Amino acid sequence: MTFEEIKNDEQKYMMHTYGRFQTAIVSGKGATAVGVSGEKYIDFTSGIGVNCLGYCDDGWVKAVTLQAAAVQHISNLYYSPLQTEVSKKLCELTGMDKVFLCNSGAEANECAIKIARKYSFDKYGQGRQKILTLVNSFHGRTVTTLAATGQDVFHNYFFPFTEGFDYVTANDVSDLESKFTDDVCAVFIELVQGEGGVMPLSQEFVDAAAGLCTEKDVLLMIDEVQTGVSRTGTVYCYEQYGIQPDVITSAKGLGGGVPIGACICNAKLSDVMTAGTHGTTFGGNPIACAAAKEVLSRVTTKEFLEEVNKKGEYIRKKLSSMPDVREVRGKGLMIGIVTEKDDAKEVAAKCVENGLLILTAKNLLRLLPPLNISYEEIDEGLSVLEKVMSD
């Protein structure tokens, strides 16, 4: 099929829920994607932070292929050795106690919300169910995770939204303190706001949130869907802030390209969710767990993390000298670029025309390249970006 034929069929048969760039991707290797007509692109998106080992990594492909040939799905009515291996690894990496495996970041966040409210209900009874999230946060697209998302643009059409959320201005300690009322059961935050504009939280704000949570027996829950699995230069971003959350949510890069999410909790919460209080048909299926096992065995080593940080610094240094760049921010290989001309969407579209896939968030460019991207691929992609931004 030609690109135009694919585009016409998409318009005819699919709901128009996405604003798509003008290309159709059919294959890839490493950080290089291939379009339907054979055109090549350096990919600085990794499927919005999902393909952490790039396209069709040999070890990842082998793990998934072998598992698909053994058993693809068994449901959660039976024990699964791969589920327990992945859960054990996540607990060892985080110092946490229990894991619930699901299919996405939104599902992991739903589980976290349920844990927070049930923990509070079990211990304190009704009336203590409010969860504080941040203005400009993003936690998913279900009705409840949209309600948790602190962006007015998402709070429309699908009324009534789930109640019980309030929104704190990021890095404003006084606003946090004022909203820490007696009916709060949890604080749920991204340490770097991804969809909200690649905005890292300040140490002062995170320390204040952690302190208030400890003082008032309120859960500190960290949404690591985008920042986790070594994306920001540590296995999970919370490590860089010197805190220990009660709950962590993880997804995106965890499966390296197949759907899997995880809600990870500490020992205090290990018995909150009991049989029948939560569940999923597909969550933690053997193929997804085989992929996650391969990912976690590789991206969490000291050597790998050092390379993520080196590559992040390398990219930020190169970006800082480019035309039309006003600010570069982020951590590890989660990078935001504020442009002088406020033209991120136009730049992203032109990059596709010139052989580079890149993301936007709010009014800035966003880079989430594969964690194992080569320096050659980095340089090739940056040369396209510099050319586009110079025009």
Protein backbone atom coordinates (compact mmCIF):
# COMPACT_ATOMS: atom_id res chain seq x y z
CA MET A 1 0.00 0.00 0.00
CA THR A 2 1.09 3.58 -0.61
CA PHE A 3 1.10 6.18 2.15
CA GLU A 4 -1.95 7.87 0.65
CA GLU A 5 -3.86 4.58 0.60
CA ILE A 6 -3.00 3.96 4.25
CA LYS A 7 -3.99 7.50 5.18
CA ASN A 8 -7.30 7.24 3.32
CA ASP A 9 -8.15 3.93 5.04
CA GLU A 10 -7.26 5.43 8.42
CA GLN A 11 -9.64 8.31 7.77
CA LYS A 12 -12.36 5.91 6.59
CA TYR A 13 -12.18 3.18 9.22
CA MET A 14 -10.59 4.61 12.39
CA MET A 15 -11.87 7.07 14.97
CA HIS A 16 -10.10 10.38 14.53
CA THR A 17 -8.55 10.47 17.99
CA TYR A 18 -4.95 11.21 16.94
CA GLY A 19 -3.21 14.08 15.22
CA ARG A 20 -0.75 12.08 13.14
CA PHE A 21 2.48 13.13 11.45
CA GLN A 22 2.61 12.55 7.70
CA THR A 23 4.36 9.19 7.51
CA ALA A 24 3.56 5.51 7.99
CA ILE A 25 6.19 3.39 9.78
CA VAL A 26 6.50 -0.26 8.75
CA SER A 27 9.80 -1.46 10.25
CA GLY A 28 12.87 -0.38 12.17
CA LYS A 29 16.17 -1.34 13.76
CA GLY A 30 17.92 0.43 16.60
CA ALA A 31 16.92 4.09 16.55
CA THR A 32 16.15 4.05 12.82
CA ALA A 33 12.58 3.70 11.59
CA VAL A 34 11.60 2.85 8.02
CA GLY A 35 8.55 4.28 6.27
CA VAL A 36 6.19 2.58 3.84
CA SER A 37 8.13 3.89 0.83
CA GLY A 38 11.53 2.91 2.24
CA GLU A 39 12.35 6.33 3.65
CA LYS A 40 14.45 6.29 6.84
CA TYR A 41 14.02 8.31 10.03
CA ILE A 42 16.15 8.73 13.12
CA ASP A 43 13.69 8.19 15.95
CA PHE A 44 13.99 10.49 18.98
CA THR A 45 10.59 9.34 20.29
CA SER A 46 10.91 5.56 20.92
CA GLY A 47 7.14 5.29 20.61
CA ILE A 48 6.65 7.97 23.33
CA GLY A 49 9.23 6.44 25.62
CA VAL A 50 8.24 2.81 25.04
CA ASN A 51 10.93 1.28 22.80
CA CYS A 52 13.66 1.74 25.39
CA LEU A 53 15.96 -0.68 23.52
CA GLY A 54 15.01 0.73 20.13
CA TYR A 55 13.40 -1.17 17.29
CA CYS A 56 13.74 -4.96 17.15
CA ASP A 57 16.68 -5.31 19.52
CA ASP A 58 18.11 -8.81 19.06
CA GLY A 59 17.89 -9.85 22.72
CA TRP A 60 14.38 -8.45 23.11
CA VAL A 61 13.17 -10.14 19.91
CA LYS A 62 14.61 -13.49 21.05
CA ALA A 63 12.95 -13.25 24.48
CA VAL A 64 9.55 -12.39 23.04
CA THR A 65 9.76 -14.94 20.23
CA LEU A 66 10.74 -17.82 22.49
CA GLN A 67 7.92 -17.00 24.89
CA ALA A 68 5.35 -16.66 22.08
CA ALA A 69 6.33 -20.15 20.95
CA ALA A 70 5.89 -21.54 24.48
CA VAL A 71 2.65 -19.99 25.79
CA GLN A 72 1.19 -16.59 25.00
CA HIS A 73 -1.52 -16.24 27.66
CA ILE A 74 -2.81 -18.17 30.65
CA SER A 75 -4.88 -15.60 32.65
CA ASN A 76 -4.33 -14.74 36.29
CA LEU A 77 -6.23 -17.78 37.51
CA TYR A 78 -2.92 -19.66 37.46
CA TYR A 79 0.59 -19.06 38.77
CA SER A 80 3.13 -17.71 36.30
CA PRO A 81 6.88 -18.01 36.87
CA LEU A 82 7.56 -15.05 34.59
CA GLN A 83 5.19 -12.84 36.61
CA THR A 84 6.97 -13.72 39.81
CA GLU A 85 10.41 -13.15 38.27
CA VAL A 86 9.48 -9.70 37.01
CA SER A 87 7.79 -8.77 40.30
CA LYS A 88 10.77 -9.97 42.33
CA LYS A 89 13.14 -7.94 40.16
CA LEU A 90 11.02 -4.79 40.55
CA CYS A 91 10.93 -5.23 44.33
CA GLU A 92 14.70 -5.77 44.47
CA LEU A 93 15.35 -2.67 42.34
CA THR A 94 13.06 -0.41 44.35
CA GLY A 95 13.17 -1.79 47.89
CA MET A 96 9.40 -2.19 47.72
CA ASP A 97 7.28 -5.14 48.80
CA LYS A 98 4.47 -6.06 46.37
CA VAL A 99 3.63 -5.62 42.68
CA PHE A 100 0.40 -5.59 40.67
CA LEU A 101 1.02 -6.19 36.96
CA CYS A 102 -1.32 -4.64 34.41
CA ASN A 103 -1.28 -3.36 30.82
CA SER A 104 -0.55 0.38 30.83
CA GLY A 105 0.38 3.46 32.80
CA ALA A 106 -3.25 4.48 33.20
CA GLU A 107 -4.08 1.06 34.65
CA ALA A 108 -1.12 1.23 37.03
CA ASN A 109 -2.31 4.65 38.16
CA GLU A 110 -5.87 3.38 38.66
CA CYS A 111 -4.45 0.68 40.93
CA ALA A 112 -2.47 3.28 42.90
CA ILE A 113 -5.60 5.40 43.38
CA LYS A 114 -7.53 2.37 44.62
CA ILE A 115 -4.73 1.41 47.02
CA ALA A 116 -4.66 4.92 48.49
CA ARG A 117 -8.39 5.08 49.04
CA LYS A 118 -8.71 1.55 50.40
CA TYR A 119 -5.76 2.00 52.77
CA SER A 120 -7.35 5.14 54.16
CA PHE A 121 -10.82 3.57 54.32
CA ASP A 122 -9.54 0.47 56.11
CA LYS A 123 -7.66 2.53 58.69
CA TYR A 124 -9.74 5.70 59.08
CA GLY A 125 -13.17 4.97 57.59
CA GLN A 126 -15.11 7.13 55.16
CA GLY A 127 -14.43 10.80 54.45
CA ARG A 128 -10.67 10.64 53.87
CA GLN A 129 -10.38 10.02 50.14
CA LYS A 130 -8.95 13.13 48.47
CA ILE A 131 -5.81 12.76 46.37
CA LEU A 132 -3.59 15.74 45.59
CA THR A 133 -2.02 15.88 42.14
CA LEU A 134 -0.24 18.72 40.35
CA VAL A 135 -1.36 21.38 37.93
CA ASN A 136 -0.10 20.36 34.45
CA SER A 137 0.18 16.71 35.49
CA PHE A 138 -0.86 13.82 33.26
CA HIS A 139 -1.90 10.44 34.64
CA GLY A 140 -3.88 8.75 31.86
CA ARG A 141 -7.05 8.81 29.75
CA THR A 142 -9.57 6.74 31.71
CA VAL A 143 -12.31 8.80 33.34
CA THR A 144 -10.60 8.54 36.74
CA THR A 145 -7.04 9.21 35.58
CA LEU A 146 -8.32 12.17 33.53
CA ALA A 147 -9.81 13.49 36.76
CA ALA A 148 -6.42 13.00 38.42
CA THR A 149 -4.76 14.90 35.56
CA GLY A 150 -4.31 18.55 36.52
CA GLN A 151 -5.06 20.11 33.13
CA ASP A 152 -8.38 21.85 32.45
CA VAL A 153 -8.24 20.88 28.78
CA PHE A 154 -8.86 17.24 29.77
CA HIS A 155 -11.75 18.01 32.11
CA ASN A 156 -14.44 18.22 29.47
CA TYR A 157 -17.00 16.12 27.54
CA PHE A 158 -16.98 13.00 29.71
CA PHE A 159 -19.00 14.19 32.69
CA PRO A 160 -19.35 13.23 35.46
CA PHE A 161 -15.67 12.80 36.25
CA THR A 162 -14.54 10.84 39.28
CA GLU A 163 -14.55 13.04 42.38
CA GLY A 164 -11.90 13.36 45.05
CA PHE A 165 -8.95 15.17 43.44
CA ASP A 166 -7.41 18.58 44.04
CA TYR A 167 -4.53 20.21 42.19
CA VAL A 168 -1.41 21.82 43.61
CA THR A 169 0.83 24.25 41.72
CA ALA A 170 4.13 22.45 41.12
CA ASN A 171 7.03 23.71 43.27
CA ASP A 172 4.71 25.92 45.37
CA VAL A 173 5.14 24.66 48.93
CA SER A 174 2.62 27.11 50.39
CA ASP A 175 -0.06 25.93 47.94
CA LEU A 176 0.74 22.32 48.86
CA GLU A 177 0.43 23.07 52.57
CA SER A 178 -2.86 24.93 52.12
CA LYS A 179 -4.45 22.00 50.30
CA PHE A 180 -3.20 19.37 52.75
CA THR A 181 -6.58 19.13 54.47
CA ASP A 182 -7.81 16.40 56.81
CA ASP A 183 -9.60 14.57 53.99
CA VAL A 184 -6.39 13.96 51.98
CA CYS A 185 -5.27 10.33 51.71
CA ALA A 186 -2.46 10.60 49.11
CA VAL A 187 -0.18 12.88 47.12
CA PHE A 188 0.36 11.62 43.57
CA ILE A 189 3.08 13.33 41.52
CA GLU A 190 5.38 13.02 38.53
CA LEU A 191 8.91 14.10 39.47
CA VAL A 192 9.41 15.37 35.92
CA GLN A 193 6.14 16.43 34.34
CA GLY A 194 6.29 14.85 30.89
CA GLU A 195 3.16 15.82 28.96
CA GLY A 196 3.09 18.96 31.10
CA GLY A 197 6.31 20.28 29.52
CA VAL A 198 9.30 18.26 30.79
CA MET A 199 9.31 20.18 34.09
CA PRO A 200 11.42 18.70 36.92
CA LEU A 201 10.16 19.30 40.44
CA SER A 202 12.37 21.13 42.92
CA GLN A 203 14.03 19.27 45.77
CA GLU A 204 12.39 21.66 48.26
CA PHE A 205 8.91 20.85 47.00
CA VAL A 206 9.47 17.08 46.96
CA ASP A 207 10.95 17.18 50.47
CA ALA A 208 7.95 19.18 51.70
CA ALA A 209 5.53 16.69 50.15
CA ALA A 210 7.38 13.72 51.62
CA GLY A 211 7.52 15.34 55.06
CA LEU A 212 3.81 16.15 55.13
CA CYS A 213 2.92 12.65 53.99
CA THR A 214 4.98 11.08 56.77
CA GLU A 215 3.58 13.44 59.39
CA LYS A 216 -0.07 12.86 58.48
CA ASP A 217 0.01 9.19 57.37
CA VAL A 218 -0.78 10.24 53.80
CA LEU A 219 0.58 8.08 50.98
CA LEU A 220 3.36 9.47 48.79
CA MET A 221 2.77 8.03 45.32
CA ILE A 222 5.12 8.66 42.39
CA ASP A 223 3.95 8.31 38.79
CA GLU A 224 7.07 6.94 37.06
CA VAL A 225 5.27 5.88 33.88
CA GLN A 226 7.46 8.12 31.73
CA THR A 227 10.39 8.85 34.05
CA GLY A 228 11.02 5.25 35.12
CA VAL A 229 12.92 2.26 33.75
CA SER A 230 16.19 4.25 33.52
CA ARG A 231 14.75 7.03 31.33
CA THR A 232 16.01 9.80 33.63
CA GLY A 233 19.40 8.25 34.40
CA THR A 234 18.49 6.20 37.46
CA VAL A 235 16.29 3.10 37.43
CA TYR A 236 13.48 5.25 38.85
CA CYS A 237 13.59 9.01 39.10
CA TYR A 238 12.65 9.16 42.81
CA GLU A 239 16.16 7.88 43.61
CA GLN A 240 17.57 11.26 42.55
CA TYR A 241 15.44 13.04 45.19
CA GLY A 242 16.49 10.90 48.15
CA ILE A 243 12.94 9.81 49.01
CA GLN A 244 11.24 6.44 49.42
CA PRO A 245 7.65 6.49 48.11
CA ASP A 246 4.79 4.35 49.35
CA VAL A 247 3.70 3.58 45.78
CA ILE A 248 5.43 3.73 42.37
CA THR A 249 3.69 3.28 39.04
CA SER A 250 5.61 2.09 35.98
CA ALA A 251 4.87 1.31 32.33
CA LYS A 252 6.04 2.63 28.91
CA GLY A 253 9.66 1.38 28.68
CA LEU A 254 9.04 -1.53 31.06
CA GLY A 255 8.05 -3.86 28.20
CA GLY A 256 10.34 -2.40 25.56
CA GLY A 257 7.45 -2.27 23.07
CA VAL A 258 4.70 -4.55 24.36
CA PRO A 259 1.98 -3.40 26.79
CA ILE A 260 2.77 -3.88 30.48
CA GLY A 261 2.35 -1.73 33.56
CA ALA A 262 3.17 -2.18 37.23
CA CYS A 263 1.91 -0.69 40.47
CA ILE A 264 4.56 -1.25 43.15
CA CYS A 265 3.90 -0.67 46.85
CA ASN A 266 5.80 -0.81 50.14
CA ALA A 267 5.33 -3.22 53.03
CA LYS A 268 2.82 -0.94 54.77
CA LEU A 269 0.46 -1.46 51.86
CA SER A 270 1.24 -5.07 50.99
CA ASP A 271 -2.07 -6.44 52.28
CA VAL A 272 -4.39 -3.60 51.20
CA MET A 273 -5.50 -5.15 47.92
CA THR A 274 -7.08 -8.54 48.56
CA ALA A 275 -8.66 -11.18 46.31
CA GLY A 276 -11.47 -9.61 44.29
CA THR A 277 -10.61 -5.97 45.00
CA HIS A 278 -8.70 -5.56 41.73
CA GLY A 279 -7.82 -7.57 38.65
CA THR A 280 -7.06 -7.70 34.93
CA THR A 281 -7.46 -10.26 32.15
CA PHE A 282 -4.31 -9.48 30.20
CA GLY A 283 -2.11 -7.95 32.91
CA GLY A 284 1.28 -9.61 33.32
CA ASN A 285 0.77 -11.96 30.42
CA PRO A 286 3.76 -14.22 29.63
CA ILE A 287 4.87 -12.41 26.47
CA ALA A 288 4.80 -9.02 28.19
CA CYS A 289 6.66 -10.42 31.20
CA ALA A 290 9.31 -12.04 29.00
CA ALA A 291 9.88 -8.65 27.39
CA ALA A 292 10.03 -6.88 30.77
CA LYS A 293 12.46 -9.46 32.15
CA GLU A 294 14.82 -8.80 29.22
CA VAL A 295 14.50 -5.03 29.58
CA LEU A 296 15.13 -5.01 33.34
CA SER A 297 18.15 -7.30 33.00
CA ARG A 298 19.84 -4.77 30.75
CA VAL A 299 18.78 -1.18 31.41
CA THR A 300 19.38 -1.30 35.18
CA THR A 301 23.11 -2.07 35.21
CA LYS A 302 25.57 0.57 36.42
CA GLU A 303 27.29 0.69 33.03
CA PHE A 304 24.02 1.15 31.13
CA LEU A 305 22.86 3.95 33.43
CA GLU A 306 26.20 5.73 33.10
CA GLU A 307 25.75 5.70 29.31
CA VAL A 308 22.21 7.08 29.59
CA ASN A 309 23.53 10.02 31.58
CA LYS A 310 26.50 10.58 29.27
CA LYS A 311 24.27 10.57 26.20
CA GLY A 312 21.83 12.92 27.87
CA GLU A 313 24.59 15.40 28.66
CA TYR A 314 25.99 15.04 25.14
CA ILE A 315 22.60 15.86 23.59
CA ARG A 316 21.91 18.78 25.93
CA LYS A 317 25.30 20.33 25.19
CA LYS A 318 24.74 20.05 21.43
CA LEU A 319 21.23 21.46 21.69
CA SER A 320 22.32 24.46 23.74
CA SER A 321 24.35 25.85 20.84
CA MET A 322 21.59 25.47 18.23
CA PRO A 323 19.63 28.38 16.77
CA ASP A 324 16.08 28.96 18.05
CA VAL A 325 16.87 27.18 21.35
CA ARG A 326 16.00 29.23 24.43
CA GLU A 327 16.14 26.52 27.11
CA VAL A 328 17.00 22.83 27.44
CA ARG A 329 15.70 20.94 30.48
CA GLY A 330 15.04 17.45 31.78
CA LYS A 331 16.97 14.50 33.18
CA GLY A 332 18.85 11.66 31.48
CA LEU A 333 17.30 10.96 28.10
CA MET A 334 14.07 12.80 28.89
CA ILE A 335 14.75 16.18 27.32
CA GLY A 336 12.63 19.26 26.62
CA ILE A 337 13.59 22.09 24.26
CA VAL A 338 11.96 25.52 24.55
CA THR A 339 12.23 27.35 21.23
CA GLU A 340 12.74 31.09 20.82
CA LYS A 341 10.06 31.27 18.13
CA ASP A 342 7.54 29.18 20.09
CA ASP A 343 7.26 27.00 16.99
CA ALA A 344 7.64 23.47 18.35
CA LYS A 345 4.75 21.92 16.42
CA GLU A 346 5.97 23.38 13.13
CA VAL A 347 9.53 22.24 13.82
CA ALA A 348 8.35 18.71 14.66
CA ALA A 349 6.39 18.46 11.40
CA LYS A 350 9.36 19.70 9.35
CA CYS A 351 11.66 17.24 11.11
CA VAL A 352 9.53 14.35 9.84
CA GLU A 353 9.84 15.73 6.30
CA ASN A 354 13.63 15.72 6.75
CA GLY A 355 14.08 12.30 8.36
CA LEU A 356 13.70 12.83 12.12
CA LEU A 357 10.88 11.74 14.44
CA ILE A 358 10.50 14.05 17.43
CA LEU A 359 7.79 14.80 20.02
CA THR A 360 6.17 17.90 21.43
CA ALA A 361 4.78 18.65 24.90
CA LYS A 362 2.83 21.84 25.49
CA ASN A 363 4.82 24.46 23.55
CA LEU A 364 8.19 22.71 23.49
CA LEU A 365 10.00 19.93 21.66
CA ARG A 366 10.46 16.70 23.58
CA LEU A 367 13.09 14.00 23.09
CA LEU A 368 12.64 10.43 24.39
CA PRO A 369 15.14 8.49 22.25
CA PRO A 370 15.92 4.81 22.79
CA LEU A 371 18.14 4.44 25.85
CA ASN A 372 20.72 2.50 23.80
CA ILE A 373 20.76 4.93 20.87
CA SER A 374 24.21 5.15 19.28
CA TYR A 375 26.22 8.37 19.12
CA GLU A 376 26.12 8.08 15.32
CA GLU A 377 22.32 8.06 15.41
CA ILE A 378 22.30 10.94 17.90
CA ASP A 379 24.52 13.05 15.64
CA GLU A 380 22.47 12.23 12.56
CA GLY A 381 19.24 13.19 14.29
CA LEU A 382 20.65 16.38 15.78
CA SER A 383 21.98 17.46 12.39
CA VAL A 384 18.44 17.22 10.99
CA LEU A 385 17.06 19.17 13.94
CA GLU A 386 19.69 21.90 13.59
CA LYS A 387 18.99 22.21 9.87
CA VAL A 388 15.26 22.55 10.45
CA MET A 389 15.70 25.08 13.25
CA SER A 390 18.11 27.12 11.13
CA ASP A 391 15.61 27.57 8.28
